[in-house]
N, C-alpha and C. Protein backbone atom coordinates (compact mmCIF):
# COMPACT_ATOMS: atom_id res chain seq x y z
N MET A 1 11.81 0.99 -2.71
CA MET A 1 11.05 0.64 -1.84
C MET A 1 9.96 -0.14 -2.24
N LYS A 2 9.75 -1.50 -1.48
CA LYS A 2 9.01 -2.39 -1.62
C LYS A 2 7.36 -1.82 -0.71
N VAL A 3 6.42 -1.80 -1.31
CA VAL A 3 5.45 -1.81 -1.14
C VAL A 3 4.29 -2.67 -1.14
N LEU A 4 3.42 -2.98 -0.43
CA LEU A 4 2.31 -4.10 -0.03
C LEU A 4 1.11 -3.53 -0.03
N PHE A 5 0.23 -3.68 -1.39
CA PHE A 5 -1.00 -2.80 -1.02
C PHE A 5 -2.24 -4.06 -0.65
N VAL A 6 -3.02 -3.80 -0.16
CA VAL A 6 -4.00 -5.33 0.35
C VAL A 6 -5.41 -4.70 -0.21
N CYS A 7 -5.88 -5.22 -0.80
CA CYS A 7 -7.39 -5.28 -1.07
C CYS A 7 -8.30 -6.05 -1.31
N SER A 8 -9.41 -6.14 -1.85
CA SER A 8 -10.76 -7.14 -1.52
C SER A 8 -10.06 -8.33 -2.36
N GLY A 9 -9.72 -8.28 -3.51
CA GLY A 9 -9.02 -9.26 -4.20
C GLY A 9 -7.65 -9.29 -4.89
N GLY A 10 -7.17 -8.38 -4.64
CA GLY A 10 -5.79 -7.94 -5.16
C GLY A 10 -5.98 -8.01 -6.56
N MET A 11 -6.85 -7.20 -7.20
CA MET A 11 -6.49 -6.80 -8.53
C MET A 11 -6.94 -5.68 -9.04
N SER A 12 -7.99 -5.33 -8.19
CA SER A 12 -8.53 -3.65 -8.42
C SER A 12 -7.83 -2.95 -8.01
N SER A 13 -6.55 -2.96 -7.57
CA SER A 13 -5.39 -1.80 -7.34
C SER A 13 -5.08 -1.54 -8.22
N ALA A 14 -4.91 -2.36 -9.02
CA ALA A 14 -3.71 -1.83 -10.54
C ALA A 14 -3.65 -0.48 -10.82
N ILE A 15 -4.76 -0.27 -11.18
CA ILE A 15 -4.59 1.34 -11.63
C ILE A 15 -3.83 2.36 -10.47
N VAL A 16 -4.39 1.95 -9.22
CA VAL A 16 -3.85 2.86 -7.95
C VAL A 16 -2.00 2.43 -8.18
N VAL A 17 -1.92 1.35 -8.18
CA VAL A 17 -0.08 0.95 -7.92
C VAL A 17 0.35 1.64 -9.73
N ASN A 18 0.07 1.53 -10.65
CA ASN A 18 0.35 2.43 -11.74
C ASN A 18 0.66 3.61 -11.38
N ALA A 19 -0.53 4.56 -10.92
CA ALA A 19 -0.54 5.80 -10.65
C ALA A 19 0.48 6.13 -9.21
N LEU A 20 0.69 5.39 -8.54
CA LEU A 20 1.66 5.54 -7.52
C LEU A 20 3.04 5.69 -7.96
N LYS A 21 3.45 3.84 -8.87
CA LYS A 21 4.60 3.68 -9.54
C LYS A 21 5.18 5.22 -10.19
N LYS A 22 4.33 6.06 -10.98
CA LYS A 22 4.22 6.81 -11.60
C LYS A 22 4.98 7.85 -10.76
N GLU A 23 4.47 8.34 -9.56
CA GLU A 23 4.92 9.56 -8.84
C GLU A 23 6.34 9.33 -8.29
N ALA A 24 6.37 8.06 -7.91
CA ALA A 24 8.01 7.78 -7.30
C ALA A 24 8.69 7.98 -8.43
N GLU A 25 8.69 7.65 -9.51
CA GLU A 25 9.47 7.45 -10.81
C GLU A 25 9.83 9.03 -11.05
N LYS A 26 8.66 10.05 -10.79
CA LYS A 26 8.90 11.27 -10.84
C LYS A 26 10.17 11.99 -9.73
N GLU A 27 10.22 11.39 -8.55
CA GLU A 27 10.86 11.98 -7.47
C GLU A 27 12.53 10.77 -7.53
N GLY A 28 12.36 10.35 -8.66
CA GLY A 28 13.56 9.13 -8.89
C GLY A 28 13.80 8.24 -7.40
N ILE A 29 12.58 7.87 -7.55
CA ILE A 29 12.33 6.66 -5.98
C ILE A 29 11.84 5.10 -6.87
N GLU A 30 13.17 4.13 -6.39
CA GLU A 30 12.48 3.16 -7.21
C GLU A 30 11.25 2.23 -6.38
N MET A 31 10.49 1.69 -7.00
CA MET A 31 9.22 1.15 -6.28
C MET A 31 8.68 -0.14 -6.62
N GLU A 32 8.68 -1.22 -6.02
CA GLU A 32 8.16 -2.43 -6.40
C GLU A 32 6.86 -2.59 -5.36
N VAL A 33 5.80 -2.70 -6.43
CA VAL A 33 4.50 -2.87 -5.46
C VAL A 33 3.61 -4.52 -5.87
N LEU A 34 3.51 -4.74 -4.83
CA LEU A 34 2.00 -6.44 -5.39
C LEU A 34 1.20 -6.16 -4.60
N ALA A 35 -0.19 -5.90 -5.36
CA ALA A 35 -1.07 -5.98 -5.03
C ALA A 35 -1.70 -7.23 -4.41
N ILE A 36 -2.10 -7.47 -3.26
CA ILE A 36 -2.93 -8.92 -2.86
C ILE A 36 -4.31 -8.61 -2.39
N GLY A 37 -4.73 -9.81 -2.17
CA GLY A 37 -6.33 -9.90 -1.61
C GLY A 37 -5.93 -9.91 -0.25
N THR A 38 -6.99 -10.03 0.87
CA THR A 38 -6.49 -10.09 2.85
C THR A 38 -6.52 -11.39 2.59
N GLY A 39 -6.77 -12.43 1.67
CA GLY A 39 -6.26 -13.65 2.23
C GLY A 39 -4.88 -13.96 2.34
N GLU A 40 -4.40 -13.04 1.34
CA GLU A 40 -2.77 -13.63 1.38
C GLU A 40 -1.88 -12.85 2.00
N VAL A 41 -2.34 -11.96 3.19
CA VAL A 41 -1.68 -10.96 4.02
C VAL A 41 -0.80 -11.83 4.83
N ALA A 42 -1.28 -12.79 5.68
CA ALA A 42 -0.40 -13.61 6.63
C ALA A 42 0.89 -14.23 6.14
N HIS A 43 0.65 -14.57 4.78
CA HIS A 43 1.77 -15.40 4.34
C HIS A 43 2.84 -13.93 3.66
N GLU A 44 2.20 -13.15 2.86
CA GLU A 44 2.95 -12.60 2.24
C GLU A 44 3.54 -11.55 2.66
N ILE A 45 3.16 -10.99 4.13
CA ILE A 45 3.93 -10.09 5.02
C ILE A 45 5.21 -9.86 5.74
N LYS A 46 5.24 -11.35 5.48
CA LYS A 46 6.95 -11.90 6.18
C LYS A 46 8.08 -11.74 5.16
N ASN A 47 7.50 -11.35 3.92
CA ASN A 47 8.31 -10.96 2.38
C ASN A 47 9.27 -9.76 2.06
N GLY A 48 9.52 -9.34 3.70
CA GLY A 48 10.63 -7.82 3.19
C GLY A 48 9.96 -6.59 2.90
N TRP A 49 9.05 -6.50 2.86
CA TRP A 49 8.05 -5.11 2.52
C TRP A 49 7.99 -4.28 3.30
N ASP A 50 8.32 -3.09 3.00
CA ASP A 50 8.98 -1.91 3.75
C ASP A 50 7.27 -1.66 4.16
N ILE A 51 6.25 -1.26 3.48
CA ILE A 51 5.14 -0.73 3.83
C ILE A 51 3.83 -1.52 3.90
N CYS A 52 2.92 -1.17 4.29
CA CYS A 52 1.53 -2.25 3.90
C CYS A 52 0.26 -1.07 3.93
N MET A 53 -0.05 -0.96 2.78
CA MET A 53 -0.84 -0.18 2.71
C MET A 53 -2.81 -0.92 2.01
N VAL A 54 -3.59 -0.06 3.09
CA VAL A 54 -4.81 -1.05 2.88
C VAL A 54 -6.12 -0.01 2.21
N ALA A 55 -6.26 -0.34 1.03
CA ALA A 55 -7.78 -0.13 0.21
C ALA A 55 -8.54 0.43 1.25
N PRO A 56 -9.53 1.22 0.96
CA PRO A 56 -10.82 1.68 1.33
C PRO A 56 -11.67 0.99 1.25
N GLN A 57 -12.12 -0.32 0.40
CA GLN A 57 -12.78 -1.02 0.01
C GLN A 57 -13.16 -2.06 1.11
N ILE A 58 -11.69 -2.22 1.74
CA ILE A 58 -11.80 -3.13 2.69
C ILE A 58 -11.16 -2.62 4.18
N ARG A 59 -11.53 -1.22 4.53
CA ARG A 59 -11.30 -0.45 5.60
C ARG A 59 -11.90 -1.41 7.31
N HIS A 60 -12.75 -2.03 6.71
CA HIS A 60 -13.69 -2.49 7.77
C HIS A 60 -12.53 -3.85 8.45
N ARG A 61 -11.46 -4.34 7.29
CA ARG A 61 -10.54 -5.58 7.94
C ARG A 61 -9.06 -4.82 8.50
N PHE A 62 -9.02 -3.49 8.49
CA PHE A 62 -7.64 -2.79 8.38
C PHE A 62 -7.28 -3.05 10.16
N ASP A 63 -8.07 -3.32 10.98
CA ASP A 63 -7.30 -3.91 12.20
C ASP A 63 -6.57 -5.11 11.97
N SER A 64 -6.84 -6.14 11.08
CA SER A 64 -6.33 -7.07 11.34
C SER A 64 -5.69 -6.99 10.16
N VAL A 65 -5.17 -6.68 9.47
CA VAL A 65 -4.18 -6.33 8.31
C VAL A 65 -3.22 -5.73 9.00
N LYS A 66 -3.15 -4.58 10.08
CA LYS A 66 -2.66 -4.15 10.63
C LYS A 66 -1.87 -4.93 12.08
N LYS A 67 -2.61 -5.61 12.42
CA LYS A 67 -1.73 -6.49 13.73
C LYS A 67 -1.14 -7.38 13.01
N GLU A 68 -1.29 -8.03 11.26
CA GLU A 68 -0.36 -8.99 10.81
C GLU A 68 0.99 -8.24 10.74
N ALA A 69 0.80 -6.64 10.39
CA ALA A 69 2.07 -5.89 9.92
C ALA A 69 2.77 -5.70 11.13
N ASP A 70 2.31 -5.27 12.04
CA ASP A 70 2.75 -4.85 13.49
C ASP A 70 3.77 -6.01 13.97
N ALA A 71 2.65 -7.44 13.77
CA ALA A 71 4.04 -8.58 14.43
C ALA A 71 4.99 -8.62 13.67
N VAL A 72 5.33 -7.97 11.94
CA VAL A 72 7.01 -7.72 11.50
C VAL A 72 7.50 -6.94 11.63
N GLY A 73 6.80 -5.67 12.30
CA GLY A 73 7.84 -4.35 12.20
C GLY A 73 7.25 -3.64 10.97
N ILE A 74 6.23 -3.70 10.30
CA ILE A 74 5.76 -3.17 8.83
C ILE A 74 4.70 -1.65 9.27
N PRO A 75 5.52 -1.01 8.74
CA PRO A 75 4.11 -0.04 8.97
C PRO A 75 2.67 -0.18 8.49
N CYS A 76 1.65 0.23 8.38
CA CYS A 76 0.60 -0.29 7.78
C CYS A 76 -0.76 1.21 8.06
N GLU A 77 -0.88 1.35 6.92
CA GLU A 77 -1.79 2.83 6.70
C GLU A 77 -2.97 2.54 5.66
N ALA A 78 -3.99 2.89 5.89
CA ALA A 78 -5.00 3.04 5.11
C ALA A 78 -4.87 3.67 3.88
N ILE A 79 -5.13 3.63 2.90
CA ILE A 79 -5.33 4.60 1.62
C ILE A 79 -6.70 5.53 1.35
N PRO A 80 -6.19 6.96 1.32
CA PRO A 80 -7.02 7.47 2.12
C PRO A 80 -8.30 7.31 0.32
N PRO A 81 -9.66 7.31 0.92
CA PRO A 81 -10.50 7.06 -0.58
C PRO A 81 -10.44 7.89 -1.74
N GLN A 82 -9.99 8.99 -1.37
CA GLN A 82 -9.79 9.98 -2.89
C GLN A 82 -8.41 9.70 -3.57
N GLY A 83 -7.80 8.83 -2.91
CA GLY A 83 -6.55 8.37 -3.28
C GLY A 83 -6.70 7.04 -4.24
N TYR A 84 -7.81 6.57 -3.92
CA TYR A 84 -7.80 5.47 -4.93
C TYR A 84 -8.45 5.31 -6.26
N SER A 85 -7.86 6.01 -7.04
CA SER A 85 -8.56 6.13 -8.36
C SER A 85 -7.02 6.08 -9.51
N PRO A 86 -7.44 6.09 -10.46
CA PRO A 86 -6.70 6.67 -11.78
C PRO A 86 -5.47 7.48 -11.40
N LEU A 87 -6.21 9.18 -10.76
CA LEU A 87 -5.54 10.31 -10.54
C LEU A 87 -5.31 10.27 -9.02
N GLY A 88 -4.87 8.93 -8.32
CA GLY A 88 -4.79 9.35 -6.85
C GLY A 88 -3.14 9.08 -6.19
N GLY A 89 -2.61 8.80 -7.37
CA GLY A 89 -1.20 8.71 -7.46
C GLY A 89 -0.66 9.81 -6.37
N PRO A 90 -0.99 10.99 -6.87
CA PRO A 90 -0.22 12.17 -5.68
C PRO A 90 -0.75 11.97 -4.65
N ILE A 91 -1.56 11.67 -4.19
CA ILE A 91 -2.21 11.25 -2.70
C ILE A 91 -1.84 10.30 -2.11
N VAL A 92 -1.85 9.08 -2.87
CA VAL A 92 -1.19 7.70 -1.81
C VAL A 92 0.28 7.91 -1.68
N PHE A 93 1.08 8.60 -2.84
CA PHE A 93 2.30 8.84 -2.96
C PHE A 93 2.68 9.67 -1.53
N LYS A 94 1.79 10.91 -1.32
CA LYS A 94 1.92 11.86 -0.18
C LYS A 94 1.93 11.21 1.15
N LYS A 95 1.03 9.94 1.14
CA LYS A 95 1.05 9.69 2.66
C LYS A 95 2.01 8.01 2.86
N LEU A 96 2.34 7.85 1.63
CA LEU A 96 3.06 6.73 1.86
C LEU A 96 4.49 7.67 2.36
N LYS A 97 5.07 8.84 2.10
CA LYS A 97 6.21 9.63 2.10
C LYS A 97 6.13 10.20 3.46
N GLU A 98 5.05 10.61 4.08
CA GLU A 98 4.38 10.78 5.57
C GLU A 98 4.86 9.59 6.51
N VAL A 99 3.91 8.24 5.93
CA VAL A 99 4.67 7.13 7.05
C VAL A 99 6.00 6.95 6.88
N MET A 100 6.39 7.20 5.90
CA MET A 100 7.69 6.24 5.67
C MET A 100 8.99 7.42 5.88
N ASN A 101 8.37 8.71 6.63
CA ASN A 101 9.01 9.82 6.77
C ASN A 101 10.57 10.40 5.50
N ILE A 102 9.63 10.33 4.28
CA ILE A 102 10.81 10.29 3.37
C ILE A 102 10.31 11.77 3.03
N LYS A 103 11.60 12.63 2.75
CA LYS A 103 11.31 14.10 2.30
C LYS A 103 11.20 14.63 1.31
């Protein structure tokens, strides 16, 4: 599964990315995750991602990111604030599974 994380600069999500990957590994799901800044969305969203997840600190830009994702048919979801931490992997993974309809 390919997951695109969008945050303000593309760097603050590294801890959450690692936590998410660990949760996916526990369930045997191979996951590629890329964290980018909002300025890269228009270019990167076209590169075959399965889902786009938006960090809480840029929720004010969610609608514009979702518009880009909708244009290429990719689900877009806000990352819950409580999931945006080193211990947030289970929360983010649960949200991702809900959106992607993974049992």
